Amino acid sequence: MGDAPLGRVAGAHDGRVPVTSGDRETEATVRVDPRLCRGTGLCQAMSPALFRLTGAGHAEAVEARLTGPEALETARSVADCCPMGAVELTVGPSTGGPDRPER
């Protein structure tokens, strides 16, 4: 698969995606690092509800709230598939507690 980095975990927040895990709600946050993004459009093609391309040709997270485990799984898939490793995913409780990075 080459030496390209895969999706990363970070603490920055662009788009919030609340999801339910078991009987408690978890908040997953996705962000695109503009320093790493090369505008391939793969993230937007995989999930136009979460990502869009800017006029400058780089991806960014869309301010969108999605409920359910599908939202988190989609964000994970996109982060794993980004050829530049520019998509960052942070998972934490929605109670305002500290984020728990997903590994």
C-alpha atoms as a PDB file:
ATOM      1  CA  MET A   1       0.000   0.000   0.000  1.00  0.00           C
ATOM      2  CA  GLY A   2       3.020   2.314   0.000  1.00  0.00           C
ATOM      3  CA  ASP A   3       4.370   4.685   2.595  1.00  0.00           C
ATOM      4  CA  ALA A   4       1.462   7.154   2.594  1.00  0.00           C
ATOM      5  CA  PRO A   5       0.192   7.886   6.098  1.00  0.00           C
ATOM      6  CA  LEU A   6      -3.314   6.863   7.024  1.00  0.00           C
ATOM      7  CA  GLY A   7      -5.913   8.874   8.930  1.00  0.00           C
ATOM      8  CA  ARG A   8      -4.721  10.507  12.124  1.00  0.00           C
ATOM      9  CA  VAL A   9      -6.193  11.254  15.517  1.00  0.00           C
ATOM     10  CA  ALA A  10      -6.088  14.823  16.761  1.00  0.00           C
ATOM     11  CA  GLY A  11      -7.671  17.261  19.161  1.00  0.00           C
ATOM     12  CA  ALA A  12      -8.758  19.956  16.668  1.00  0.00           C
ATOM     13  CA  HIS A  13     -12.462  20.282  15.888  1.00  0.00           C
ATOM     14  CA  ASP A  14     -14.230  21.250  12.664  1.00  0.00           C
ATOM     15  CA  GLY A  15     -17.368  19.149  12.371  1.00  0.00           C
ATOM     16  CA  ARG A  16     -19.121  17.450  15.261  1.00  0.00           C
ATOM     17  CA  VAL A  17     -20.681  14.045  14.757  1.00  0.00           C
ATOM     18  CA  PRO A  18     -22.616  12.710  17.774  1.00  0.00           C
ATOM     19  CA  VAL A  19     -22.996   8.951  17.809  1.00  0.00           C
ATOM     20  CA  THR A  20     -24.389   6.418  20.236  1.00  0.00           C
ATOM     21  CA  SER A  21     -22.143   3.700  21.622  1.00  0.00           C
ATOM     22  CA  GLY A  22     -24.015   1.197  23.745  1.00  0.00           C
ATOM     23  CA  ASP A  23     -26.194   3.146  26.145  1.00  0.00           C
ATOM     24  CA  ARG A  24     -24.159   6.352  26.188  1.00  0.00           C
ATOM     25  CA  GLU A  25     -23.611   9.050  23.613  1.00  0.00           C
ATOM     26  CA  THR A  26     -20.141   9.689  22.257  1.00  0.00           C
ATOM     27  CA  GLU A  27     -19.012  12.655  20.221  1.00  0.00           C
ATOM     28  CA  ALA A  28     -16.728  12.022  17.277  1.00  0.00           C
ATOM     29  CA  THR A  29     -15.054  15.038  15.738  1.00  0.00           C
ATOM     30  CA  VAL A  30     -13.525  15.135  12.271  1.00  0.00           C
ATOM     31  CA  ARG A  31     -11.063  17.658  10.895  1.00  0.00           C
ATOM     32  CA  VAL A  32      -8.962  17.997   7.761  1.00  0.00           C
ATOM     33  CA  ASP A  33      -5.413  19.249   8.294  1.00  0.00           C
ATOM     34  CA  PRO A  34      -4.967  21.841   5.519  1.00  0.00           C
ATOM     35  CA  ARG A  35      -1.189  21.436   5.634  1.00  0.00           C
ATOM     36  CA  LEU A  36      -1.486  17.785   4.602  1.00  0.00           C
ATOM     37  CA  CYS A  37      -4.523  17.857   2.310  1.00  0.00           C
ATOM     38  CA  ARG A  38      -3.762  17.722  -1.409  1.00  0.00           C
ATOM     39  CA  GLY A  39      -7.384  17.950  -2.573  1.00  0.00           C
ATOM     40  CA  THR A  40      -7.793  14.457  -4.004  1.00  0.00           C
ATOM     41  CA  GLY A  41     -11.530  14.635  -3.218  1.00  0.00           C
ATOM     42  CA  LEU A  42     -11.648  11.084  -1.890  1.00  0.00           C
ATOM     43  CA  CYS A  43     -13.153  12.186   1.431  1.00  0.00           C
ATOM     44  CA  GLN A  44     -15.918  14.129  -0.306  1.00  0.00           C
ATOM     45  CA  ALA A  45     -16.627  11.228  -2.642  1.00  0.00           C
ATOM     46  CA  MET A  46     -16.868   8.839   0.313  1.00  0.00           C
ATOM     47  CA  SER A  47     -18.994  11.156   2.472  1.00  0.00           C
ATOM     48  CA  PRO A  48     -20.332  14.413   1.033  1.00  0.00           C
ATOM     49  CA  ALA A  49     -22.304  14.848   4.276  1.00  0.00           C
ATOM     50  CA  LEU A  50     -19.036  15.187   6.210  1.00  0.00           C
ATOM     51  CA  PHE A  51     -16.605  16.731   3.705  1.00  0.00           C
ATOM     52  CA  ARG A  52     -16.478  19.280   0.894  1.00  0.00           C
ATOM     53  CA  LEU A  53     -13.786  20.806  -1.289  1.00  0.00           C
ATOM     54  CA  THR A  54     -13.048  24.508  -0.870  1.00  0.00           C
ATOM     55  CA  GLY A  55     -12.567  26.973  -3.699  1.00  0.00           C
ATOM     56  CA  ALA A  56      -8.833  26.569  -3.122  1.00  0.00           C
ATOM     57  CA  GLY A  57      -9.161  22.854  -3.882  1.00  0.00           C
ATOM     58  CA  HIS A  58      -8.605  21.503  -0.377  1.00  0.00           C
ATOM     59  CA  ALA A  59     -11.031  19.462   1.684  1.00  0.00           C
ATOM     60  CA  GLU A  60     -12.673  20.658   4.866  1.00  0.00           C
ATOM     61  CA  ALA A  61     -15.157  19.183   7.300  1.00  0.00           C
ATOM     62  CA  VAL A  62     -18.779  20.248   6.884  1.00  0.00           C
ATOM     63  CA  GLU A  63     -20.574  21.460  10.009  1.00  0.00           C
ATOM     64  CA  ALA A  64     -23.001  18.552  10.137  1.00  0.00           C
ATOM     65  CA  ARG A  65     -24.500  16.498  12.962  1.00  0.00           C
ATOM     66  CA  LEU A  66     -25.217  12.872  12.234  1.00  0.00           C
ATOM     67  CA  THR A  67     -26.680  10.471  14.784  1.00  0.00           C
ATOM     68  CA  GLY A  68     -25.970   6.768  14.979  1.00  0.00           C
ATOM     69  CA  PRO A  69     -23.038   4.406  14.749  1.00  0.00           C
ATOM     70  CA  GLU A  70     -22.952   4.825  10.961  1.00  0.00           C
ATOM     71  CA  ALA A  71     -21.590   8.366  11.350  1.00  0.00           C
ATOM     72  CA  LEU A  72     -18.590   7.224  13.362  1.00  0.00           C
ATOM     73  CA  GLU A  73     -17.919   4.282  11.064  1.00  0.00           C
ATOM     74  CA  THR A  74     -18.038   6.568   8.019  1.00  0.00           C
ATOM     75  CA  ALA A  75     -15.607   9.016   9.631  1.00  0.00           C
ATOM     76  CA  ARG A  76     -13.268   6.128  10.512  1.00  0.00           C
ATOM     77  CA  SER A  77     -13.379   4.795   6.959  1.00  0.00           C
ATOM     78  CA  VAL A  78     -12.643   8.188   5.462  1.00  0.00           C
ATOM     79  CA  ALA A  79      -9.744   8.798   7.875  1.00  0.00           C
ATOM     80  CA  ASP A  80      -8.300   5.367   7.065  1.00  0.00           C
ATOM     81  CA  CYS A  81      -8.568   5.952   3.308  1.00  0.00           C
ATOM     82  CA  CYS A  82      -7.150   9.474   3.067  1.00  0.00           C
ATOM     83  CA  PRO A  83      -3.951   9.038   1.024  1.00  0.00           C
ATOM     84  CA  MET A  84      -2.281  12.008   2.749  1.00  0.00           C
ATOM     85  CA  GLY A  85      -3.393  11.207   6.298  1.00  0.00           C
ATOM     86  CA  ALA A  86      -5.055  14.634   6.451  1.00  0.00           C
ATOM     87  CA  VAL A  87      -8.352  13.494   7.973  1.00  0.00           C
ATOM     88  CA  GLU A  88      -8.214  13.548  11.764  1.00  0.00           C
ATOM     89  CA  LEU A  89     -10.738  11.808  14.018  1.00  0.00           C
ATOM     90  CA  THR A  90     -11.205  12.446  17.747  1.00  0.00           C
ATOM     91  CA  VAL A  91     -13.622  10.418  19.866  1.00  0.00           C
ATOM     92  CA  GLY A  92     -14.768  11.420  23.339  1.00  0.00           C
ATOM     93  CA  PRO A  93     -17.821  11.550  25.585  1.00  0.00           C
ATOM     94  CA  SER A  94     -20.401  14.190  24.685  1.00  0.00           C
ATOM     95  CA  THR A  95     -20.668  15.297  28.311  1.00  0.00           C
ATOM     96  CA  GLY A  96     -17.955  17.892  27.816  1.00  0.00           C
ATOM     97  CA  GLY A  97     -15.251  15.674  29.290  1.00  0.00           C
ATOM     98  CA  PRO A  98     -11.786  15.322  27.792  1.00  0.00           C
ATOM     99  CA  ASP A  99     -11.467  13.790  24.357  1.00  0.00           C
ATOM    100  CA  ARG A 100     -10.329  10.200  24.096  1.00  0.00           C
ATOM    101  CA  PRO A 101      -8.146   9.761  21.013  1.00  0.00           C
ATOM    102  CA  GLU A 102      -9.100   6.782  18.906  1.00  0.00           C
ATOM    103  CA  ARG A 103      -6.276   4.410  18.112  1.00  0.00           C
END
